[in-house]
Amino acid sequence: MRARMAIAYSGMTIELREVVLRALPESLLACSPKGTVPVLVLQGGRVLDESRDIMDWALAAHDPEHWQPVLNSAAYTAAQQLMDINDTVFKPQLDRYKYAVRYPEHPAEYYRAQGAQFLQQLEQRLRQHAWLLGERMTVLDVAILPFVRQFAHVDHAWFCQAPYPRLQQWLDRLLTSELFSGVMYKYPQWQAGDAPVVFP
């Protein structure tokens, strides 16, 4: 989701191949043996198989509203640190909360409490300004959005009454944006020989 949002925002166009994780095509595995998505194959054969790298590629090509903070600025450092926490700490906590039955060592509430520590960090930032880095949306908001969205949907009733009003507003603002709705179209599963699908 975050890679598609960055590509759509940048105005870049790609050939999109929608795949199903339980039936990954051999052509994808030949490009990236990791077997994860997204995967972007650039002209010349370079492969990007991390969504953050794809976002960086798109923004380096065209960043009309300056989503990417100035390199080595305080905002850039803060964005990288929070994305690192999101990807390496919060994401595993989210997975355990979302699939708690697979991690019977603790109840779901335990994993939720762990992840909620990150939500509290985000809430504190949003008490200071409208977006995570300031008064306008940046790459940080888009990079973290999919994971907060998933966390909120595990137990939506709990999330709606949790003490994170600014985070709830932030999430709603993003989920109702044209950018988000524009990338959520469900494409048919790609099969070898299909006509190319241009995205966005």
N, C-alpha and C. Protein backbone atom coordinates (compact mmCIF):
# COMPACT_ATOMS: atom_id res chain seq x y z
N MET A 1 0.82 -1.20 0.00
CA MET A 1 0.00 0.00 0.00
C MET A 1 0.86 1.27 0.00
N ARG A 2 1.88 1.32 0.89
CA ARG A 2 2.66 2.55 0.98
C ARG A 2 3.51 2.77 -0.28
N ALA A 3 3.99 1.68 -0.88
CA ALA A 3 4.74 1.82 -2.12
C ALA A 3 3.82 2.33 -3.24
N ARG A 4 2.62 1.80 -3.33
CA ARG A 4 1.68 2.25 -4.36
C ARG A 4 1.30 3.71 -4.14
N MET A 5 1.11 4.11 -2.90
CA MET A 5 0.76 5.51 -2.63
C MET A 5 1.88 6.44 -3.07
N ALA A 6 3.12 6.06 -2.79
CA ALA A 6 4.25 6.90 -3.18
C ALA A 6 4.38 6.98 -4.69
N ILE A 7 4.18 5.87 -5.38
CA ILE A 7 4.25 5.86 -6.84
C ILE A 7 3.14 6.73 -7.43
N ALA A 8 1.93 6.56 -6.92
CA ALA A 8 0.81 7.35 -7.44
C ALA A 8 1.03 8.84 -7.19
N TYR A 9 1.50 9.19 -6.02
CA TYR A 9 1.77 10.59 -5.67
C TYR A 9 2.85 11.18 -6.57
N SER A 10 3.88 10.40 -6.87
CA SER A 10 5.01 10.91 -7.64
C SER A 10 4.66 11.13 -9.11
N GLY A 11 3.60 10.48 -9.58
CA GLY A 11 3.25 10.58 -10.98
C GLY A 11 3.99 9.61 -11.87
N MET A 12 4.82 8.75 -11.26
CA MET A 12 5.49 7.72 -12.04
C MET A 12 4.47 6.67 -12.47
N THR A 13 4.74 5.99 -13.57
CA THR A 13 3.87 4.90 -14.00
C THR A 13 4.69 3.62 -14.08
N ILE A 14 4.07 2.53 -13.72
CA ILE A 14 4.71 1.22 -13.74
C ILE A 14 3.75 0.21 -14.36
N GLU A 15 4.28 -0.92 -14.75
CA GLU A 15 3.44 -2.05 -15.13
C GLU A 15 3.18 -2.86 -13.87
N LEU A 16 1.92 -3.02 -13.54
CA LEU A 16 1.54 -3.68 -12.29
C LEU A 16 1.12 -5.12 -12.55
N ARG A 17 1.63 -6.01 -11.71
CA ARG A 17 1.22 -7.40 -11.76
C ARG A 17 0.73 -7.81 -10.37
N GLU A 18 -0.56 -7.95 -10.24
CA GLU A 18 -1.18 -8.34 -8.96
C GLU A 18 -0.97 -9.83 -8.73
N VAL A 19 -0.40 -10.18 -7.57
CA VAL A 19 -0.14 -11.59 -7.28
C VAL A 19 -0.82 -11.98 -5.97
N VAL A 20 -0.94 -13.28 -5.77
CA VAL A 20 -1.50 -13.84 -4.55
C VAL A 20 -0.34 -14.50 -3.79
N LEU A 21 -0.19 -14.16 -2.53
CA LEU A 21 0.97 -14.63 -1.77
C LEU A 21 1.07 -16.15 -1.70
N ARG A 22 -0.06 -16.82 -1.66
CA ARG A 22 -0.02 -18.28 -1.54
C ARG A 22 0.28 -18.96 -2.88
N ALA A 23 0.36 -18.16 -3.95
CA ALA A 23 0.63 -18.73 -5.26
C ALA A 23 1.51 -17.77 -6.06
N LEU A 24 2.69 -17.49 -5.51
CA LEU A 24 3.58 -16.54 -6.17
C LEU A 24 4.09 -17.10 -7.49
N PRO A 25 4.06 -16.30 -8.54
CA PRO A 25 4.55 -16.79 -9.84
C PRO A 25 6.07 -16.96 -9.83
N GLU A 26 6.55 -17.90 -10.62
CA GLU A 26 7.98 -18.16 -10.71
C GLU A 26 8.75 -16.93 -11.18
N SER A 27 8.12 -16.12 -12.02
CA SER A 27 8.79 -14.92 -12.53
C SER A 27 9.12 -13.94 -11.39
N LEU A 28 8.25 -13.86 -10.39
CA LEU A 28 8.52 -13.00 -9.25
C LEU A 28 9.66 -13.57 -8.41
N LEU A 29 9.61 -14.87 -8.17
CA LEU A 29 10.65 -15.51 -7.35
C LEU A 29 12.00 -15.46 -8.05
N ALA A 30 12.00 -15.44 -9.38
CA ALA A 30 13.25 -15.32 -10.12
C ALA A 30 13.87 -13.93 -9.91
N CYS A 31 13.01 -12.92 -9.74
CA CYS A 31 13.49 -11.56 -9.51
C CYS A 31 13.90 -11.35 -8.06
N SER A 32 13.12 -11.94 -7.15
CA SER A 32 13.36 -11.76 -5.72
C SER A 32 13.05 -13.06 -4.99
N PRO A 33 14.05 -13.88 -4.70
CA PRO A 33 13.82 -15.16 -4.03
C PRO A 33 13.23 -15.03 -2.62
N LYS A 34 13.22 -13.80 -2.05
CA LYS A 34 12.62 -13.60 -0.73
C LYS A 34 11.16 -14.04 -0.70
N GLY A 35 10.48 -13.90 -1.83
CA GLY A 35 9.08 -14.30 -1.90
C GLY A 35 8.15 -13.37 -1.16
N THR A 36 8.52 -12.09 -1.09
CA THR A 36 7.66 -11.10 -0.45
C THR A 36 7.27 -10.06 -1.50
N VAL A 37 6.25 -9.29 -1.17
CA VAL A 37 5.84 -8.18 -2.04
C VAL A 37 5.86 -6.90 -1.21
N PRO A 38 6.03 -5.76 -1.87
CA PRO A 38 6.12 -5.56 -3.31
C PRO A 38 7.53 -5.81 -3.85
N VAL A 39 7.59 -6.00 -5.16
CA VAL A 39 8.85 -6.10 -5.89
C VAL A 39 8.76 -5.18 -7.09
N LEU A 40 9.77 -4.34 -7.27
CA LEU A 40 9.80 -3.45 -8.42
C LEU A 40 11.07 -3.74 -9.22
N VAL A 41 10.89 -4.09 -10.48
CA VAL A 41 12.02 -4.33 -11.38
C VAL A 41 12.18 -3.11 -12.26
N LEU A 42 13.32 -2.43 -12.12
CA LEU A 42 13.56 -1.21 -12.87
C LEU A 42 14.15 -1.53 -14.24
N GLN A 43 14.07 -0.55 -15.13
CA GLN A 43 14.74 -0.70 -16.41
C GLN A 43 16.23 -0.90 -16.15
N GLY A 44 16.81 -1.87 -16.80
CA GLY A 44 18.20 -2.20 -16.55
C GLY A 44 18.35 -3.41 -15.64
N GLY A 45 17.22 -3.82 -15.01
CA GLY A 45 17.22 -5.05 -14.24
C GLY A 45 17.41 -4.91 -12.74
N ARG A 46 17.67 -3.70 -12.25
CA ARG A 46 17.80 -3.53 -10.80
C ARG A 46 16.47 -3.86 -10.12
N VAL A 47 16.55 -4.57 -8.99
CA VAL A 47 15.36 -5.02 -8.29
C VAL A 47 15.26 -4.33 -6.92
N LEU A 48 14.10 -3.76 -6.64
CA LEU A 48 13.80 -3.21 -5.31
C LEU A 48 12.73 -4.10 -4.70
N ASP A 49 13.05 -4.75 -3.58
CA ASP A 49 12.06 -5.64 -2.96
C ASP A 49 11.76 -5.27 -1.52
N GLU A 50 11.96 -3.99 -1.19
CA GLU A 50 11.53 -3.43 0.09
C GLU A 50 10.66 -2.22 -0.22
N SER A 51 9.51 -2.13 0.43
CA SER A 51 8.59 -1.03 0.12
C SER A 51 9.20 0.33 0.41
N ARG A 52 10.04 0.44 1.44
CA ARG A 52 10.69 1.73 1.72
C ARG A 52 11.62 2.13 0.59
N ASP A 53 12.31 1.17 0.01
CA ASP A 53 13.19 1.48 -1.12
C ASP A 53 12.39 1.93 -2.33
N ILE A 54 11.23 1.32 -2.52
CA ILE A 54 10.37 1.73 -3.64
C ILE A 54 9.84 3.14 -3.42
N MET A 55 9.48 3.45 -2.18
CA MET A 55 9.04 4.81 -1.87
C MET A 55 10.15 5.81 -2.15
N ASP A 56 11.36 5.50 -1.71
CA ASP A 56 12.49 6.40 -1.94
C ASP A 56 12.74 6.59 -3.43
N TRP A 57 12.63 5.51 -4.20
CA TRP A 57 12.81 5.60 -5.64
C TRP A 57 11.79 6.54 -6.27
N ALA A 58 10.53 6.38 -5.88
CA ALA A 58 9.46 7.21 -6.45
C ALA A 58 9.66 8.68 -6.09
N LEU A 59 10.00 8.94 -4.83
CA LEU A 59 10.15 10.33 -4.40
C LEU A 59 11.40 10.96 -4.98
N ALA A 60 12.44 10.16 -5.21
CA ALA A 60 13.64 10.70 -5.85
C ALA A 60 13.36 11.11 -7.28
N ALA A 61 12.40 10.42 -7.92
CA ALA A 61 12.04 10.75 -9.29
C ALA A 61 11.20 12.02 -9.36
N HIS A 62 10.26 12.16 -8.43
CA HIS A 62 9.38 13.33 -8.44
C HIS A 62 8.69 13.45 -7.08
N ASP A 63 8.88 14.57 -6.45
CA ASP A 63 8.33 14.81 -5.11
C ASP A 63 7.71 16.20 -5.08
N PRO A 64 6.55 16.36 -5.72
CA PRO A 64 5.99 17.71 -5.95
C PRO A 64 5.64 18.48 -4.68
N GLU A 65 5.26 17.78 -3.61
CA GLU A 65 4.86 18.48 -2.38
C GLU A 65 5.89 18.31 -1.27
N HIS A 66 7.08 17.88 -1.65
CA HIS A 66 8.20 17.76 -0.72
C HIS A 66 7.89 16.85 0.47
N TRP A 67 7.44 15.65 0.14
CA TRP A 67 7.21 14.65 1.19
C TRP A 67 8.50 14.27 1.89
N GLN A 68 9.57 14.19 1.13
CA GLN A 68 10.84 13.73 1.70
C GLN A 68 11.55 14.90 2.37
N PRO A 69 11.82 14.81 3.68
CA PRO A 69 12.53 15.89 4.35
C PRO A 69 13.94 16.05 3.77
N VAL A 70 14.50 17.23 3.97
CA VAL A 70 15.86 17.50 3.49
C VAL A 70 16.84 16.52 4.14
N LEU A 71 17.70 15.95 3.32
CA LEU A 71 18.66 14.96 3.79
C LEU A 71 19.46 15.50 4.97
N ASN A 72 19.57 14.68 6.02
CA ASN A 72 20.35 14.99 7.22
C ASN A 72 19.75 16.10 8.09
N SER A 73 18.55 16.54 7.77
CA SER A 73 17.88 17.50 8.65
C SER A 73 17.31 16.77 9.86
N ALA A 74 16.89 17.54 10.86
CA ALA A 74 16.28 16.93 12.05
C ALA A 74 15.02 16.16 11.68
N ALA A 75 14.26 16.71 10.74
CA ALA A 75 13.03 16.03 10.31
C ALA A 75 13.36 14.73 9.60
N TYR A 76 14.39 14.74 8.78
CA TYR A 76 14.80 13.52 8.07
C TYR A 76 15.22 12.44 9.07
N THR A 77 16.02 12.82 10.06
CA THR A 77 16.46 11.86 11.09
C THR A 77 15.27 11.30 11.86
N ALA A 78 14.35 12.18 12.24
CA ALA A 78 13.16 11.73 12.98
C ALA A 78 12.33 10.77 12.14
N ALA A 79 12.18 11.08 10.86
CA ALA A 79 11.40 10.21 9.97
C ALA A 79 12.04 8.84 9.85
N GLN A 80 13.35 8.81 9.66
CA GLN A 80 14.03 7.52 9.52
C GLN A 80 13.95 6.71 10.81
N GLN A 81 14.10 7.37 11.95
CA GLN A 81 14.04 6.66 13.23
C GLN A 81 12.66 6.07 13.47
N LEU A 82 11.62 6.83 13.19
CA LEU A 82 10.27 6.34 13.41
C LEU A 82 9.90 5.24 12.42
N MET A 83 10.36 5.36 11.18
CA MET A 83 10.11 4.29 10.22
C MET A 83 10.85 3.01 10.64
N ASP A 84 12.05 3.16 11.18
CA ASP A 84 12.79 1.99 11.66
C ASP A 84 12.04 1.31 12.81
N ILE A 85 11.54 2.10 13.75
CA ILE A 85 10.78 1.54 14.87
C ILE A 85 9.52 0.85 14.34
N ASN A 86 8.84 1.51 13.41
CA ASN A 86 7.63 0.93 12.82
C ASN A 86 7.92 -0.42 12.18
N ASP A 87 8.99 -0.48 11.39
CA ASP A 87 9.25 -1.67 10.58
C ASP A 87 9.87 -2.81 11.38
N THR A 88 10.66 -2.48 12.40
CA THR A 88 11.40 -3.54 13.11
C THR A 88 10.84 -3.88 14.49
N VAL A 89 10.07 -2.97 15.08
CA VAL A 89 9.52 -3.22 16.42
C VAL A 89 7.99 -3.33 16.36
N PHE A 90 7.35 -2.30 15.83
CA PHE A 90 5.89 -2.28 15.82
C PHE A 90 5.31 -3.37 14.91
N LYS A 91 5.90 -3.57 13.74
CA LYS A 91 5.37 -4.58 12.81
C LYS A 91 5.34 -5.97 13.43
N PRO A 92 6.40 -6.46 14.08
CA PRO A 92 6.30 -7.76 14.75
C PRO A 92 5.25 -7.79 15.86
N GLN A 93 5.11 -6.68 16.58
CA GLN A 93 4.07 -6.62 17.62
C GLN A 93 2.69 -6.69 16.99
N LEU A 94 2.52 -5.99 15.89
CA LEU A 94 1.25 -6.04 15.15
C LEU A 94 0.94 -7.46 14.70
N ASP A 95 1.94 -8.16 14.16
CA ASP A 95 1.72 -9.53 13.69
C ASP A 95 1.27 -10.44 14.82
N ARG A 96 1.87 -10.28 15.99
CA ARG A 96 1.49 -11.12 17.13
C ARG A 96 0.09 -10.77 17.64
N TYR A 97 -0.24 -9.50 17.60
CA TYR A 97 -1.59 -9.08 18.01
C TYR A 97 -2.63 -9.56 17.01
N LYS A 98 -2.32 -9.41 15.74
CA LYS A 98 -3.25 -9.77 14.67
C LYS A 98 -3.46 -11.28 14.59
N TYR A 99 -2.40 -12.03 14.83
CA TYR A 99 -2.46 -13.49 14.73
C TYR A 99 -2.11 -14.12 16.09
N ALA A 100 -2.74 -13.62 17.13
CA ALA A 100 -2.39 -14.04 18.49
C ALA A 100 -2.53 -15.54 18.70
N VAL A 101 -3.41 -16.18 17.95
CA VAL A 101 -3.60 -17.62 18.10
C VAL A 101 -2.32 -18.38 17.74
N ARG A 102 -1.47 -17.78 16.93
CA ARG A 102 -0.21 -18.42 16.55
C ARG A 102 0.87 -18.21 17.62
N TYR A 103 0.61 -17.32 18.55
CA TYR A 103 1.58 -16.99 19.60
C TYR A 103 0.91 -17.16 20.96
N PRO A 104 0.64 -18.40 21.33
CA PRO A 104 -0.16 -18.66 22.55
C PRO A 104 0.58 -18.37 23.86
N GLU A 105 1.83 -17.95 23.78
CA GLU A 105 2.55 -17.62 25.01
C GLU A 105 1.87 -16.52 25.80
N HIS A 106 1.15 -15.63 25.08
CA HIS A 106 0.47 -14.51 25.73
C HIS A 106 -0.88 -14.28 25.05
N PRO A 107 -1.83 -13.69 25.75
CA PRO A 107 -3.11 -13.33 25.12
C PRO A 107 -2.94 -12.15 24.18
N ALA A 108 -3.91 -11.94 23.33
CA ALA A 108 -3.85 -10.85 22.36
C ALA A 108 -3.68 -9.50 23.04
N GLU A 109 -4.28 -9.35 24.21
CA GLU A 109 -4.20 -8.07 24.92
C GLU A 109 -2.76 -7.72 25.29
N TYR A 110 -1.96 -8.73 25.54
CA TYR A 110 -0.54 -8.51 25.86
C TYR A 110 0.17 -7.89 24.66
N TYR A 111 -0.05 -8.47 23.48
CA TYR A 111 0.60 -7.95 22.27
C TYR A 111 0.04 -6.58 21.90
N ARG A 112 -1.24 -6.39 22.17
CA ARG A 112 -1.84 -5.08 21.91
C ARG A 112 -1.18 -4.01 22.79
N ALA A 113 -0.96 -4.32 24.04
CA ALA A 113 -0.33 -3.37 24.96
C ALA A 113 1.08 -3.02 24.51
N GLN A 114 1.79 -4.00 23.96
CA GLN A 114 3.12 -3.72 23.43
C GLN A 114 3.04 -2.74 22.27
N GLY A 115 2.18 -3.02 21.32
CA GLY A 115 2.04 -2.15 20.16
C GLY A 115 1.50 -0.78 20.52
N ALA A 116 0.70 -0.71 21.56
CA ALA A 116 0.10 0.56 21.96
C ALA A 116 1.15 1.57 22.42
N GLN A 117 2.33 1.08 22.81
CA GLN A 117 3.39 2.01 23.19
C GLN A 117 3.81 2.87 22.00
N PHE A 118 3.82 2.27 20.82
CA PHE A 118 4.15 3.03 19.61
C PHE A 118 3.01 3.98 19.26
N LEU A 119 1.78 3.51 19.42
CA LEU A 119 0.64 4.39 19.15
C LEU A 119 0.70 5.63 20.04
N GLN A 120 1.13 5.44 21.28
CA GLN A 120 1.24 6.57 22.20
C GLN A 120 2.29 7.57 21.71
N GLN A 121 3.39 7.07 21.17
CA GLN A 121 4.40 7.95 20.60
C GLN A 121 3.82 8.79 19.46
N LEU A 122 3.05 8.14 18.61
CA LEU A 122 2.45 8.85 17.49
C LEU A 122 1.43 9.88 17.99
N GLU A 123 0.64 9.49 18.99
CA GLU A 123 -0.35 10.41 19.56
C GLU A 123 0.34 11.66 20.10
N GLN A 124 1.46 11.47 20.78
CA GLN A 124 2.19 12.62 21.34
C GLN A 124 2.66 13.56 20.25
N ARG A 125 3.14 13.00 19.14
CA ARG A 125 3.58 13.85 18.03
C ARG A 125 2.41 14.61 17.42
N LEU A 126 1.27 13.93 17.32
CA LEU A 126 0.10 14.55 16.69
C LEU A 126 -0.57 15.57 17.60
N ARG A 127 -0.24 15.57 18.86
CA ARG A 127 -0.71 16.63 19.75
C ARG A 127 0.03 17.94 19.50
N GLN A 128 1.18 17.83 18.84
CA GLN A 128 2.00 19.01 18.58
C GLN A 128 1.70 19.64 17.22
N HIS A 129 1.28 18.79 16.25
CA HIS A 129 0.98 19.30 14.92
C HIS A 129 0.06 18.33 14.19
N ALA A 130 -0.43 18.73 13.04
CA ALA A 130 -1.47 17.98 12.33
C ALA A 130 -0.98 16.66 11.76
N TRP A 131 0.31 16.60 11.41
CA TRP A 131 0.89 15.40 10.82
C TRP A 131 2.10 14.98 11.64
N LEU A 132 2.65 13.83 11.34
CA LEU A 132 3.67 13.26 12.23
C LEU A 132 4.95 14.08 12.29
N LEU A 133 5.25 14.82 11.21
CA LEU A 133 6.47 15.63 11.21
C LEU A 133 6.21 17.12 11.28
N GLY A 134 4.96 17.53 11.16
CA GLY A 134 4.68 18.96 11.16
C GLY A 134 3.28 19.25 10.67
N GLU A 135 3.13 20.34 9.96
CA GLU A 135 1.81 20.80 9.53
C GLU A 135 1.43 20.35 8.12
N ARG A 136 2.19 19.46 7.54
CA ARG A 136 1.83 18.90 6.24
C ARG A 136 2.21 17.43 6.19
N MET A 137 1.56 16.71 5.32
CA MET A 137 1.82 15.28 5.19
C MET A 137 3.20 15.05 4.59
N THR A 138 3.88 14.02 5.08
CA THR A 138 5.20 13.67 4.55
C THR A 138 5.25 12.16 4.32
N VAL A 139 6.40 11.73 3.87
CA VAL A 139 6.62 10.30 3.63
C VAL A 139 6.41 9.48 4.90
N LEU A 140 6.68 10.07 6.06
CA LEU A 140 6.52 9.33 7.32
C LEU A 140 5.07 8.93 7.53
N ASP A 141 4.13 9.82 7.27
CA ASP A 141 2.71 9.50 7.45
C ASP A 141 2.30 8.32 6.58
N VAL A 142 2.75 8.35 5.33
CA VAL A 142 2.37 7.29 4.39
C VAL A 142 3.07 5.98 4.74
N ALA A 143 4.31 6.06 5.20
CA ALA A 143 5.07 4.85 5.53
C ALA A 143 4.47 4.10 6.71
N ILE A 144 3.88 4.82 7.65
CA ILE A 144 3.35 4.20 8.86
C ILE A 144 1.87 3.85 8.74
N LEU A 145 1.17 4.54 7.86
CA LEU A 145 -0.27 4.35 7.70
C LEU A 145 -0.72 2.89 7.62
N PRO A 146 -0.16 2.05 6.75
CA PRO A 146 -0.72 0.69 6.60
C PRO A 146 -0.70 -0.12 7.89
N PHE A 147 0.30 0.13 8.72
CA PHE A 147 0.47 -0.67 9.92
C PHE A 147 -0.46 -0.20 11.04
N VAL A 148 -0.64 1.10 11.16
CA VAL A 148 -1.62 1.61 12.12
C VAL A 148 -3.03 1.19 11.69
N ARG A 149 -3.29 1.23 10.39
CA ARG A 149 -4.59 0.79 9.87
C ARG A 149 -4.86 -0.66 10.25
N GLN A 150 -3.89 -1.53 10.05
CA GLN A 150 -4.07 -2.94 10.41
C GLN A 150 -4.28 -3.10 11.91
N PHE A 151 -3.50 -2.38 12.71
CA PHE A 151 -3.62 -2.48 14.16
C PHE A 151 -5.02 -2.06 14.60
N ALA A 152 -5.52 -0.98 14.01
CA ALA A 152 -6.85 -0.47 14.36
C ALA A 152 -7.94 -1.47 14.01
N HIS A 153 -7.75 -2.23 12.94
CA HIS A 153 -8.79 -3.13 12.47
C HIS A 153 -8.82 -4.46 13.21
N VAL A 154 -7.79 -4.79 13.97
CA VAL A 154 -7.81 -6.05 14.72
C VAL A 154 -8.99 -6.06 15.69
N ASP A 155 -9.17 -4.97 16.41
CA ASP A 155 -10.32 -4.81 17.32
C ASP A 155 -10.73 -3.35 17.20
N HIS A 156 -11.56 -3.08 16.21
CA HIS A 156 -11.89 -1.70 15.88
C HIS A 156 -12.63 -1.01 17.01
N ALA A 157 -13.45 -1.74 17.73
CA ALA A 157 -14.18 -1.14 18.85
C ALA A 157 -13.21 -0.66 19.92
N TRP A 158 -12.18 -1.47 20.19
CA TRP A 158 -11.17 -1.06 21.16
C TRP A 158 -10.44 0.19 20.68
N PHE A 159 -10.04 0.20 19.42
CA PHE A 159 -9.27 1.33 18.90
C PHE A 159 -10.09 2.62 18.96
N CYS A 160 -11.37 2.54 18.67
CA CYS A 160 -12.20 3.73 18.65
C CYS A 160 -12.36 4.37 20.03
N GLN A 161 -12.25 3.55 21.08
CA GLN A 161 -12.38 4.12 22.43
C GLN A 161 -11.04 4.30 23.13
N ALA A 162 -9.95 3.94 22.45
CA ALA A 162 -8.61 4.08 23.03
C ALA A 162 -8.25 5.57 23.15
N PRO A 163 -7.33 5.90 24.07
CA PRO A 163 -7.02 7.31 24.33
C PRO A 163 -6.07 7.92 23.29
N TYR A 164 -6.44 7.78 22.01
CA TYR A 164 -5.60 8.31 20.94
C TYR A 164 -6.44 9.13 19.97
N PRO A 165 -7.09 10.19 20.43
CA PRO A 165 -8.01 10.94 19.55
C PRO A 165 -7.32 11.57 18.35
N ARG A 166 -6.11 12.08 18.54
CA ARG A 166 -5.40 12.70 17.41
C ARG A 166 -4.99 11.64 16.39
N LEU A 167 -4.58 10.48 16.86
CA LEU A 167 -4.20 9.39 15.96
C LEU A 167 -5.42 8.88 15.19
N GLN A 168 -6.54 8.80 15.86
CA GLN A 168 -7.78 8.38 15.20
C GLN A 168 -8.16 9.36 14.09
N GLN A 169 -8.03 10.66 14.37
CA GLN A 169 -8.33 11.68 13.36
C GLN A 169 -7.35 11.59 12.20
N TRP A 170 -6.08 11.41 12.53
CA TRP A 170 -5.02 11.28 11.50
C TRP A 170 -5.32 10.10 10.59
N LEU A 171 -5.68 8.97 11.19
CA LEU A 171 -5.96 7.77 10.41
C LEU A 171 -7.18 7.99 9.51
N ASP A 172 -8.22 8.59 10.06
CA ASP A 172 -9.43 8.83 9.28
C ASP A 172 -9.15 9.77 8.11
N ARG A 173 -8.32 10.79 8.36
CA ARG A 173 -8.00 11.75 7.31
C ARG A 173 -7.28 11.06 6.15
N LEU A 174 -6.39 10.15 6.45
CA LEU A 174 -5.65 9.44 5.41
C LEU A 174 -6.54 8.42 4.69
N LEU A 175 -7.35 7.70 5.45
CA LEU A 175 -8.18 6.66 4.84
C LEU A 175 -9.28 7.22 3.97
N THR A 176 -9.64 8.48 4.16
CA THR A 176 -10.67 9.10 3.33
C THR A 176 -10.06 9.99 2.24
N SER A 177 -8.75 9.96 2.11
CA SER A 177 -8.09 10.78 1.09
C SER A 177 -8.24 10.16 -0.29
N GLU A 178 -8.18 11.00 -1.31
CA GLU A 178 -8.24 10.52 -2.68
C GLU A 178 -7.04 9.64 -3.01
N LEU A 179 -5.89 9.97 -2.45
CA LEU A 179 -4.69 9.19 -2.71
C LEU A 179 -4.87 7.76 -2.23
N PHE A 180 -5.38 7.59 -1.01
CA PHE A 180 -5.58 6.24 -0.48
C PHE A 180 -6.62 5.49 -1.29
N SER A 181 -7.77 6.10 -1.52
CA SER A 181 -8.84 5.40 -2.25
C SER A 181 -8.40 5.06 -3.66
N GLY A 182 -7.54 5.89 -4.23
CA GLY A 182 -7.09 5.67 -5.59
C GLY A 182 -6.19 4.46 -5.77
N VAL A 183 -5.52 4.04 -4.69
CA VAL A 183 -4.61 2.89 -4.81
C VAL A 183 -5.23 1.60 -4.28
N MET A 184 -6.45 1.67 -3.79
CA MET A 184 -7.07 0.50 -3.16
C MET A 184 -7.90 -0.33 -4.14
N TYR A 185 -7.91 0.04 -5.39
CA TYR A 185 -8.62 -0.75 -6.39
C TYR A 185 -8.06 -2.17 -6.42
N LYS A 186 -8.91 -3.16 -6.44
CA LYS A 186 -8.48 -4.55 -6.44
C LYS A 186 -8.32 -5.04 -7.88
N TYR A 187 -7.09 -5.24 -8.27
CA TYR A 187 -6.80 -5.71 -9.62
C TYR A 187 -6.92 -7.23 -9.68
N PRO A 188 -7.26 -7.77 -10.84
CA PRO A 188 -7.32 -9.23 -10.96
C PRO A 188 -5.92 -9.84 -10.86
N GLN A 189 -5.87 -11.07 -10.41
CA GLN A 189 -4.59 -11.76 -10.28
C GLN A 189 -3.91 -11.88 -11.64
N TRP A 190 -2.61 -11.55 -11.67
CA TRP A 190 -1.86 -11.58 -12.92
C TRP A 190 -1.56 -13.02 -13.33
N GLN A 191 -1.68 -13.26 -14.61
CA GLN A 191 -1.30 -14.55 -15.19
C GLN A 191 -0.37 -14.29 -16.37
N ALA A 192 0.58 -15.20 -16.58
CA ALA A 192 1.50 -15.05 -17.70
C ALA A 192 0.71 -14.91 -19.00
N GLY A 193 1.09 -13.93 -19.80
CA GLY A 193 0.40 -13.68 -21.06
C GLY A 193 -0.66 -12.60 -20.99
N ASP A 194 -1.01 -12.14 -19.77
CA ASP A 194 -2.00 -11.09 -19.63
C ASP A 194 -1.50 -9.78 -20.27
N ALA A 195 -2.44 -8.98 -20.72
CA ALA A 195 -2.09 -7.65 -21.23
C ALA A 195 -1.55 -6.80 -20.08
N PRO A 196 -0.56 -5.94 -20.35
CA PRO A 196 0.00 -5.11 -19.28
C PRO A 196 -1.04 -4.21 -18.63
N VAL A 197 -0.92 -4.04 -17.30
CA VAL A 197 -1.76 -3.12 -16.55
C VAL A 197 -0.89 -1.96 -16.11
N VAL A 198 -1.22 -0.77 -16.53
CA VAL A 198 -0.43 0.40 -16.18
C VAL A 198 -0.99 1.01 -14.90
N PHE A 199 -0.10 1.27 -13.94
CA PHE A 199 -0.49 1.87 -12.65
C PHE A 199 0.27 3.16 -12.49
N PRO A 200 -0.34 4.20 -11.95
CA PRO A 200 -1.75 4.27 -11.54
C PRO A 200 -2.67 4.55 -12.73
